[in-house]
Amino acid sequence: MDKTIEAEVKQKRKKQYLLIGILCIAVLVVALFLMRSFFSTTIKRSAITTAVVEMGNIENTINATGEIRPEFEEVITSPVSASIQEIILDAGSKVTTGQSILKLDKTAIQVEYEKGKFQLESKQNDIRKLKLELDKSYFDLRSNNNIKQLRINSLTADVENSKRLYKAGGGTREDVEKAELNLKVAQLEKEQLENEIKSKQQTMQVEIRESEIAAAIQQNELKELMRKVSLASIQSTRGGVVTWVNKNIGAAIREGEALARIADLSSFKVTGTISDAQLNNLHNGMPAIIRINEAEVRGSVTNIYPAVENGIVTFDIQLNERNNKLLRPNLKVEVFLVTATGNNVMRVSNGPAFSGLESQDIFVVRNGKAERRKVQVGMINFDYVELKDNVKPGDVVITSDMSGFKHAKEITINN
């Protein structure tokens, strides 16, 4: 029994020693690999890229993104609430001034126009009716006024007769006073009638004027409806290319809703976007470089949109060559905004070796070896990096990533 237990213990210990040995070997392999990386001081020339320090000009830039867009783009909106009846030109088609792009169903607006015509005719009839009433009322009042005048003339004669009879002894004082009172009453009635004529005239003229204004408003509305009817066939107001058109035939369109876009592809601009963290560096008039494949087009910032959406600022760039053959609508491009310019400075081609820090270590190639040097970095753009010290024109600098040799002071370069 004791021998069996002793064999089991030995077997268990043997497994423990084996596991420890494997772990030690693994740690040793990792340590050797790390030490090799740490102390490695050789590199193949084919594994690095180099550039020569030179004197030249450099522009400090900040990166942005952009999209090529037509400089002039017209949005055609629906003049009425209607439905799309027919598509005449599709996106990508060239269009001339006055050419139809699509047609709207104008049945509803036509019905509204006819209704407006009847309403206008009704208002014009009301005006004619008011004028007739005014003429009749004025004629009646004038006739009554003439009758009143004749009565006054008669009563005036009665007063004179009563006075003569009174002087001759054939009448009484009461007859004279009565005749004078009747004359005065008739004169007051005539004065009242004249005031009524004047007031009636003014009232009728105001009513006619109100009806004329209402008719004029109705007539203007009718002209607007007529204009909308004529615009139901959507036409281009300028030559260009149709970049978009609503092709949903039968879809209900509200007044003012976009139906088509027409662009003038003879000139372009760039709409750029950048993080709002760079907003303080962005200003109107600042130079901009637009990179299209390997080519560059220059321009300047002309408009900065005030709204910031999701931390993004939008701006427009006016190009120096607005009709450059490389420009295509909706083409995505790289944008570099120039914040400063340096003339006749030491510069070297940009590469992964430069981290963007103001002070950093680089490797300079000399006599088959790469020597570590600490340099001050100035302006940076996509193409070049300014080196302020510790190098001179003609020095060869390694521009590829050298982070694997951050502890090495000197590296041997093997062919």
Protein backbone atom coordinates (compact mmCIF):
# COMPACT_ATOMS: atom_id res chain seq x y z
CA MET A 1 0.00 0.00 0.00
CA ASP A 2 2.85 2.43 0.88
CA LYS A 3 4.58 1.73 -2.44
CA THR A 4 1.49 2.63 -4.43
CA ILE A 5 1.15 6.03 -2.69
CA GLU A 6 4.85 6.79 -3.21
CA ALA A 7 4.53 6.08 -6.98
CA GLU A 8 1.55 8.41 -7.26
CA VAL A 9 3.40 11.21 -5.47
CA LYS A 10 6.43 10.81 -7.73
CA GLN A 11 4.21 10.90 -10.83
CA LYS A 12 2.52 14.09 -9.60
CA ARG A 13 5.86 15.77 -8.88
CA LYS A 14 7.13 14.77 -12.32
CA LYS A 15 4.15 16.50 -13.98
CA GLN A 16 4.74 19.65 -11.89
CA TYR A 17 8.41 19.80 -12.91
CA LEU A 18 7.44 19.31 -16.55
CA LEU A 19 4.88 22.16 -16.40
CA ILE A 20 7.42 24.47 -14.72
CA GLY A 21 9.98 23.61 -17.39
CA ILE A 22 7.55 24.42 -20.20
CA LEU A 23 6.67 27.75 -18.58
CA CYS A 24 10.34 28.65 -18.16
CA ILE A 25 11.06 27.85 -21.79
CA ALA A 26 8.10 30.01 -22.90
CA VAL A 27 9.24 32.93 -20.71
CA LEU A 28 12.77 32.56 -22.08
CA VAL A 29 11.53 32.62 -25.69
CA VAL A 30 9.42 35.76 -25.04
CA ALA A 31 12.34 37.41 -23.23
CA LEU A 32 14.69 36.60 -26.10
CA PHE A 33 12.21 38.04 -28.58
CA LEU A 34 11.78 41.22 -26.55
CA MET A 35 15.53 41.57 -26.05
CA ARG A 36 16.07 41.05 -29.75
CA SER A 37 13.59 43.80 -30.51
CA PHE A 38 15.04 46.01 -27.78
CA PHE A 39 18.64 45.65 -28.77
CA SER A 40 18.19 45.19 -32.51
CA THR A 41 20.47 47.66 -34.24
CA THR A 42 20.30 46.48 -37.82
CA ILE A 43 17.73 47.03 -40.55
CA LYS A 44 17.51 46.30 -44.27
CA ARG A 45 17.58 49.26 -46.63
CA SER A 46 14.56 47.86 -48.47
CA ALA A 47 12.54 48.14 -45.23
CA ILE A 48 12.90 51.92 -44.96
CA THR A 49 12.06 55.00 -46.97
CA THR A 50 14.25 58.08 -46.94
CA ALA A 51 14.12 61.70 -48.07
CA VAL A 52 16.73 64.43 -48.48
CA VAL A 53 16.57 67.63 -46.44
CA GLU A 54 16.26 70.63 -48.78
CA MET A 55 15.60 74.34 -48.71
CA GLY A 56 12.21 75.42 -49.99
CA ASN A 57 8.81 76.85 -49.20
CA ILE A 58 6.20 75.15 -47.02
CA GLU A 59 2.58 75.78 -46.15
CA ASN A 60 1.20 74.74 -42.79
CA THR A 61 -2.18 73.10 -43.34
CA ILE A 62 -5.05 71.55 -41.44
CA ASN A 63 -6.93 68.64 -42.98
CA ALA A 64 -10.57 68.73 -44.00
CA THR A 65 -12.84 66.84 -46.36
CA GLY A 66 -14.80 68.21 -49.27
CA GLU A 67 -17.19 67.50 -52.07
CA ILE A 68 -17.21 69.01 -55.57
CA ARG A 69 -20.50 70.75 -56.33
CA PRO A 70 -21.77 72.92 -59.17
CA GLU A 71 -21.22 76.59 -58.39
CA PHE A 72 -24.73 77.41 -59.56
CA GLU A 73 -27.58 74.97 -58.92
CA GLU A 74 -31.25 75.84 -59.30
CA VAL A 75 -33.95 74.05 -57.33
CA ILE A 76 -37.28 74.02 -59.15
CA THR A 77 -40.26 73.82 -56.79
CA SER A 78 -43.89 73.03 -57.43
CA PRO A 79 -46.00 76.18 -58.00
CA VAL A 80 -49.17 74.39 -56.91
CA SER A 81 -50.36 71.43 -54.89
CA ALA A 82 -50.82 68.74 -57.52
CA SER A 83 -49.62 65.32 -58.60
CA ILE A 84 -46.85 64.38 -61.03
CA GLN A 85 -48.32 63.45 -64.39
CA GLU A 86 -45.35 62.90 -66.72
CA ILE A 87 -41.53 62.89 -66.58
CA ILE A 88 -40.04 64.48 -69.68
CA LEU A 89 -36.31 64.67 -68.79
CA ASP A 90 -34.43 62.33 -66.46
CA ALA A 91 -31.40 63.10 -64.30
CA GLY A 92 -28.25 63.59 -66.38
CA SER A 93 -30.11 65.13 -69.32
CA LYS A 94 -28.99 68.43 -70.76
CA VAL A 95 -31.63 71.15 -70.65
CA THR A 96 -32.04 74.52 -72.34
CA THR A 97 -33.85 77.62 -71.12
CA GLY A 98 -37.63 77.14 -71.32
CA GLN A 99 -37.46 73.38 -71.89
CA SER A 100 -40.04 71.28 -70.02
CA ILE A 101 -38.72 68.83 -67.43
CA LEU A 102 -41.96 67.32 -66.11
CA LYS A 103 -45.71 67.95 -66.12
CA LEU A 104 -48.11 68.24 -63.23
CA ASP A 105 -51.78 67.27 -63.20
CA LYS A 106 -53.45 70.70 -63.26
CA THR A 107 -57.07 69.55 -63.00
CA ALA A 108 -57.53 70.84 -59.45
CA ILE A 109 -55.91 74.21 -60.11
CA GLN A 110 -57.95 74.55 -63.32
CA VAL A 111 -61.17 74.00 -61.35
CA GLU A 112 -60.03 76.56 -58.81
CA TYR A 113 -59.30 79.01 -61.61
CA GLU A 114 -62.79 78.60 -63.12
CA LYS A 115 -64.32 79.09 -59.68
CA GLY A 116 -62.31 82.28 -59.28
CA LYS A 117 -63.61 83.56 -62.63
CA PHE A 118 -67.22 83.14 -61.48
CA GLN A 119 -66.47 84.84 -58.18
CA LEU A 120 -64.86 87.78 -59.98
CA GLU A 121 -67.82 88.10 -62.34
CA SER A 122 -70.17 88.06 -59.34
CA LYS A 123 -68.25 90.89 -57.67
CA GLN A 124 -68.27 92.92 -60.88
CA ASN A 125 -72.06 92.46 -61.09
CA ASP A 126 -72.35 93.67 -57.49
CA ILE A 127 -70.47 96.82 -58.46
CA ARG A 128 -72.79 97.47 -61.40
CA LYS A 129 -75.82 96.87 -59.16
CA LEU A 130 -74.53 99.34 -56.56
CA LYS A 131 -73.94 101.95 -59.23
CA LEU A 132 -77.50 101.53 -60.53
CA GLU A 133 -78.89 101.81 -57.01
CA LEU A 134 -76.81 104.91 -56.45
CA ASP A 135 -78.05 106.49 -59.67
CA LYS A 136 -81.70 105.70 -58.87
CA SER A 137 -81.42 106.90 -55.28
CA TYR A 138 -79.68 110.05 -56.36
CA PHE A 139 -82.30 110.72 -59.05
CA ASP A 140 -85.18 110.19 -56.57
CA LEU A 141 -83.58 112.45 -54.00
CA ARG A 142 -82.87 115.15 -56.57
CA SER A 143 -86.48 114.98 -57.74
CA ASN A 144 -87.73 115.34 -54.18
CA ASN A 145 -85.35 118.21 -53.69
CA ASN A 146 -86.73 119.99 -56.76
CA ILE A 147 -90.27 119.45 -55.47
CA LYS A 148 -89.20 120.92 -52.12
CA GLN A 149 -87.77 123.90 -53.94
CA LEU A 150 -91.04 124.49 -55.80
CA ARG A 151 -92.97 124.30 -52.52
CA ILE A 152 -90.57 126.78 -50.96
CA ASN A 153 -91.12 129.14 -53.89
CA SER A 154 -94.86 128.80 -53.40
CA LEU A 155 -94.66 129.39 -49.67
CA THR A 156 -92.43 132.42 -50.23
CA ALA A 157 -95.14 133.92 -52.45
CA ASP A 158 -97.75 133.14 -49.76
CA VAL A 159 -95.69 135.04 -47.20
CA GLU A 160 -95.46 138.07 -49.51
CA ASN A 161 -99.19 137.97 -50.18
CA SER A 162 -99.99 137.68 -46.47
CA LYS A 163 -97.82 140.70 -45.71
CA ARG A 164 -99.49 142.79 -48.44
CA LEU A 165 -102.98 141.85 -47.25
CA TYR A 166 -101.98 142.63 -43.68
CA LYS A 167 -100.77 146.10 -44.69
CA ALA A 168 -103.93 146.68 -46.70
CA GLY A 169 -106.06 145.59 -43.76
CA GLY A 170 -107.34 142.50 -45.48
CA GLY A 171 -105.40 140.03 -43.33
CA THR A 172 -104.24 139.34 -39.83
CA ARG A 173 -100.88 139.10 -38.16
CA GLU A 174 -101.55 135.42 -37.47
CA ASP A 175 -101.90 134.72 -41.22
CA VAL A 176 -98.46 136.30 -41.83
CA GLU A 177 -96.81 134.32 -39.03
CA LYS A 178 -98.41 131.09 -40.23
CA ALA A 179 -97.17 131.63 -43.77
CA GLU A 180 -93.66 132.40 -42.51
CA LEU A 181 -93.68 129.23 -40.33
CA ASN A 182 -94.73 127.04 -43.24
CA LEU A 183 -91.91 128.55 -45.32
CA LYS A 184 -89.35 127.90 -42.59
CA VAL A 185 -90.49 124.28 -42.19
CA ALA A 186 -90.21 123.73 -45.94
CA GLN A 187 -86.71 125.22 -45.98
CA LEU A 188 -85.61 122.92 -43.14
CA GLU A 189 -87.09 119.90 -44.92
CA LYS A 190 -85.18 120.87 -48.06
CA GLU A 191 -81.94 121.27 -46.08
CA GLN A 192 -82.52 117.86 -44.48
CA LEU A 193 -83.12 116.31 -47.88
CA GLU A 194 -79.92 117.85 -49.28
CA ASN A 195 -77.92 116.42 -46.35
CA GLU A 196 -79.50 113.05 -46.98
CA ILE A 197 -78.51 113.26 -50.65
CA LYS A 198 -74.91 114.07 -49.71
CA SER A 199 -74.72 111.28 -47.12
CA LYS A 200 -76.30 108.77 -49.49
CA GLN A 201 -73.79 109.66 -52.17
CA GLN A 202 -70.83 109.17 -49.81
CA THR A 203 -72.19 105.89 -48.46
CA MET A 204 -72.80 104.45 -51.88
CA GLN A 205 -69.36 105.55 -53.10
CA VAL A 206 -67.71 103.82 -50.13
CA GLU A 207 -69.67 100.65 -50.85
CA ILE A 208 -68.69 100.79 -54.51
CA ARG A 209 -65.04 101.37 -53.57
CA GLU A 210 -65.09 98.36 -51.21
CA SER A 211 -66.58 96.21 -53.95
CA GLU A 212 -63.97 97.46 -56.43
CA ILE A 213 -61.14 96.62 -54.01
CA ALA A 214 -62.60 93.15 -53.42
CA ALA A 215 -62.90 92.67 -57.17
CA ALA A 216 -59.30 93.84 -57.70
CA ILE A 217 -58.08 91.37 -55.06
CA GLN A 218 -60.07 88.62 -56.71
CA GLN A 219 -58.65 89.58 -60.09
CA ASN A 220 -55.07 89.44 -58.77
CA GLU A 221 -55.77 86.02 -57.25
CA LEU A 222 -57.17 84.94 -60.59
CA LYS A 223 -54.02 86.17 -62.37
CA GLU A 224 -51.90 84.21 -59.88
CA LEU A 225 -53.98 81.10 -60.49
CA MET A 226 -53.56 81.61 -64.24
CA ARG A 227 -49.81 81.91 -63.76
CA LYS A 228 -49.76 78.70 -61.73
CA VAL A 229 -51.77 76.93 -64.41
CA SER A 230 -49.20 77.98 -67.00
CA LEU A 231 -46.38 76.80 -64.72
CA ALA A 232 -47.88 73.35 -64.26
CA SER A 233 -45.57 72.31 -67.09
CA ILE A 234 -42.30 72.59 -65.15
CA GLN A 235 -39.70 74.34 -67.29
CA SER A 236 -36.05 75.25 -66.87
CA THR A 237 -35.22 78.93 -66.41
CA ARG A 238 -31.60 78.41 -67.47
CA GLY A 239 -29.46 76.01 -69.44
CA GLY A 240 -27.54 73.23 -67.71
CA VAL A 241 -27.86 69.60 -66.68
CA VAL A 242 -30.68 67.98 -64.71
CA THR A 243 -28.97 66.57 -61.61
CA TRP A 244 -32.13 65.28 -59.92
CA VAL A 245 -35.83 64.94 -60.72
CA ASN A 246 -38.75 63.57 -58.71
CA LYS A 247 -39.82 60.55 -60.74
CA ASN A 248 -42.72 59.39 -58.53
CA ILE A 249 -45.51 59.65 -61.11
CA GLY A 250 -48.87 60.11 -59.42
CA ALA A 251 -47.31 61.23 -56.12
CA ALA A 252 -49.06 64.14 -54.38
CA ILE A 253 -46.81 67.21 -54.35
CA ARG A 254 -47.36 70.16 -52.03
CA GLU A 255 -46.83 73.74 -53.19
CA GLY A 256 -43.18 74.70 -52.71
CA GLU A 257 -41.89 71.09 -52.69
CA ALA A 258 -38.75 70.42 -54.75
CA LEU A 259 -39.36 68.77 -58.12
CA ALA A 260 -36.00 69.01 -59.90
CA ARG A 261 -32.48 70.43 -59.68
CA ILE A 262 -30.59 71.96 -62.59
CA ALA A 263 -26.86 72.61 -62.37
CA ASP A 264 -24.50 74.62 -64.51
CA LEU A 265 -21.59 72.21 -65.00
CA SER A 266 -19.35 74.85 -66.55
CA SER A 267 -18.12 75.99 -63.11
CA PHE A 268 -17.71 74.27 -59.75
CA LYS A 269 -17.04 74.97 -56.10
CA VAL A 270 -16.05 72.81 -53.12
CA THR A 271 -18.20 72.39 -50.03
CA GLY A 272 -15.89 71.39 -47.19
CA THR A 273 -16.40 70.06 -43.67
CA ILE A 274 -14.13 70.20 -40.66
CA SER A 275 -14.34 69.52 -36.92
CA ASP A 276 -15.63 72.44 -34.87
CA ALA A 277 -12.45 72.12 -32.79
CA GLN A 278 -10.70 73.86 -35.72
CA LEU A 279 -13.29 76.65 -35.97
CA ASN A 280 -10.89 79.26 -34.57
CA ASN A 281 -8.44 78.49 -37.40
CA LEU A 282 -11.11 78.82 -40.09
CA HIS A 283 -11.83 82.22 -41.63
CA ASN A 284 -13.03 83.70 -44.91
CA GLY A 285 -10.32 84.31 -47.48
CA MET A 286 -7.88 81.68 -46.19
CA PRO A 287 -6.13 79.71 -48.98
CA ALA A 288 -7.15 76.13 -49.60
CA ILE A 289 -5.58 73.24 -51.53
CA ILE A 290 -7.87 70.61 -53.02
CA ARG A 291 -6.21 67.32 -53.88
CA ILE A 292 -7.84 65.31 -56.67
CA ASN A 293 -5.98 62.03 -57.10
CA GLU A 294 -2.39 63.27 -57.54
CA ALA A 295 -3.32 66.73 -58.84
CA GLU A 296 -4.00 69.90 -56.87
CA VAL A 297 -6.48 72.73 -57.41
CA ARG A 298 -6.25 75.89 -55.32
CA GLY A 299 -8.91 78.21 -54.03
CA SER A 300 -10.00 80.21 -50.99
CA VAL A 301 -12.71 79.98 -48.34
CA THR A 302 -15.62 82.26 -49.25
CA ASN A 303 -18.42 81.29 -46.89
CA ILE A 304 -18.60 79.66 -43.45
CA TYR A 305 -22.03 78.33 -42.49
CA PRO A 306 -23.06 79.43 -38.97
CA ALA A 307 -24.76 76.17 -38.02
CA VAL A 308 -22.68 73.42 -36.37
CA GLU A 309 -24.16 69.92 -36.76
CA ASN A 310 -22.78 66.95 -34.85
CA GLY A 311 -19.53 68.82 -34.19
CA ILE A 312 -19.00 69.54 -37.91
CA VAL A 313 -18.58 72.97 -39.52
CA THR A 314 -19.42 73.44 -43.22
CA PHE A 315 -17.80 75.99 -45.53
CA ASP A 316 -17.55 76.84 -49.24
CA ILE A 317 -14.36 77.17 -51.30
CA GLN A 318 -14.20 79.24 -54.48
CA LEU A 319 -11.75 77.64 -56.92
CA ASN A 320 -9.16 79.51 -58.96
CA GLU A 321 -9.92 77.15 -61.87
CA ARG A 322 -13.67 76.68 -61.68
CA ASN A 323 -13.82 74.71 -64.93
CA ASN A 324 -10.82 72.44 -64.37
CA LYS A 325 -11.27 69.21 -66.33
CA LEU A 326 -10.67 67.13 -63.16
CA LEU A 327 -13.77 68.53 -61.45
CA ARG A 328 -16.80 66.27 -61.30
CA PRO A 329 -20.06 66.84 -59.38
CA ASN A 330 -20.34 64.97 -56.05
CA LEU A 331 -16.67 63.92 -56.19
CA LYS A 332 -15.15 63.45 -52.71
CA VAL A 333 -11.80 65.22 -52.29
CA GLU A 334 -9.17 65.99 -49.69
CA VAL A 335 -8.99 69.60 -48.54
CA PHE A 336 -5.98 71.26 -46.93
CA LEU A 337 -6.54 74.69 -45.39
CA VAL A 338 -3.41 76.83 -45.32
CA THR A 339 -2.90 78.49 -41.92
CA ALA A 340 0.68 79.74 -42.40
CA THR A 341 3.44 79.92 -45.02
CA GLY A 342 7.22 79.60 -44.63
CA ASN A 343 9.71 80.64 -47.30
CA ASN A 344 13.21 79.21 -47.79
CA VAL A 345 13.10 76.84 -44.79
CA MET A 346 14.60 73.37 -44.29
CA ARG A 347 12.02 70.80 -45.26
CA VAL A 348 11.80 67.06 -45.84
CA SER A 349 9.11 64.85 -47.33
CA ASN A 350 6.39 63.89 -44.85
CA GLY A 351 6.06 60.28 -43.74
CA PRO A 352 5.10 57.94 -40.87
CA ALA A 353 8.28 58.88 -38.98
CA PHE A 354 6.76 62.26 -38.06
CA SER A 355 4.23 62.14 -35.26
CA GLY A 356 3.16 65.80 -35.28
CA LEU A 357 5.01 66.69 -32.07
CA GLU A 358 6.98 69.92 -31.89
CA SER A 359 10.06 68.02 -30.66
CA GLN A 360 10.84 64.44 -31.67
CA ASP A 361 13.61 61.98 -32.54
CA ILE A 362 14.46 61.10 -36.12
CA PHE A 363 17.15 59.00 -37.78
CA VAL A 364 19.66 60.56 -40.17
CA VAL A 365 21.51 58.20 -42.55
CA ARG A 366 25.30 58.58 -42.75
CA ASN A 367 27.96 56.10 -43.92
CA GLY A 368 25.65 53.09 -43.87
CA LYS A 369 24.28 53.87 -40.43
CA ALA A 370 21.23 55.70 -39.07
CA GLU A 371 21.95 58.11 -36.21
CA ARG A 372 19.26 59.23 -33.78
CA ARG A 373 18.79 63.01 -33.54
CA LYS A 374 16.32 65.19 -31.68
CA VAL A 375 14.90 67.94 -33.88
CA GLN A 376 12.39 70.76 -33.57
CA VAL A 377 9.52 70.40 -36.01
CA GLY A 378 7.85 73.48 -37.49
CA MET A 379 5.12 73.66 -40.09
CA ILE A 380 3.58 70.47 -41.48
CA ASN A 381 1.46 69.68 -44.48
CA PHE A 382 0.59 66.59 -46.51
CA ASP A 383 3.81 66.75 -48.53
CA TYR A 384 6.49 68.30 -46.30
CA VAL A 385 7.68 68.76 -42.71
CA GLU A 386 9.77 71.72 -41.60
CA LEU A 387 12.90 70.81 -39.57
CA LYS A 388 14.27 73.73 -37.58
CA ASP A 389 17.58 72.39 -36.23
CA ASN A 390 20.06 69.51 -35.89
CA VAL A 391 20.00 68.81 -39.64
CA LYS A 392 21.30 70.58 -42.72
CA PRO A 393 20.38 70.57 -46.39
CA GLY A 394 21.55 67.36 -48.04
CA ASP A 395 21.08 65.15 -44.98
CA VAL A 396 19.17 61.94 -45.63
CA VAL A 397 16.34 61.34 -43.16
CA ILE A 398 14.42 58.09 -42.65
CA THR A 399 10.72 58.90 -43.17
CA SER A 400 9.26 55.43 -42.52
CA ASP A 401 7.97 54.30 -39.12
CA MET A 402 10.91 53.72 -36.74
CA SER A 403 8.96 53.15 -33.53
CA GLY A 404 10.49 49.66 -33.24
CA PHE A 405 13.91 51.28 -32.66
CA LYS A 406 12.91 53.86 -30.07
CA HIS A 407 15.72 52.79 -27.73
CA ALA A 408 18.49 52.52 -30.31
CA LYS A 409 20.95 55.37 -30.73
CA GLU A 410 22.47 53.99 -33.90
CA ILE A 411 21.25 51.46 -36.46
CA THR A 412 23.31 49.62 -39.02
CA ILE A 413 21.71 49.55 -42.45
CA ASN A 414 22.26 46.33 -44.40
CA ASN A 415 21.86 46.07 -48.13
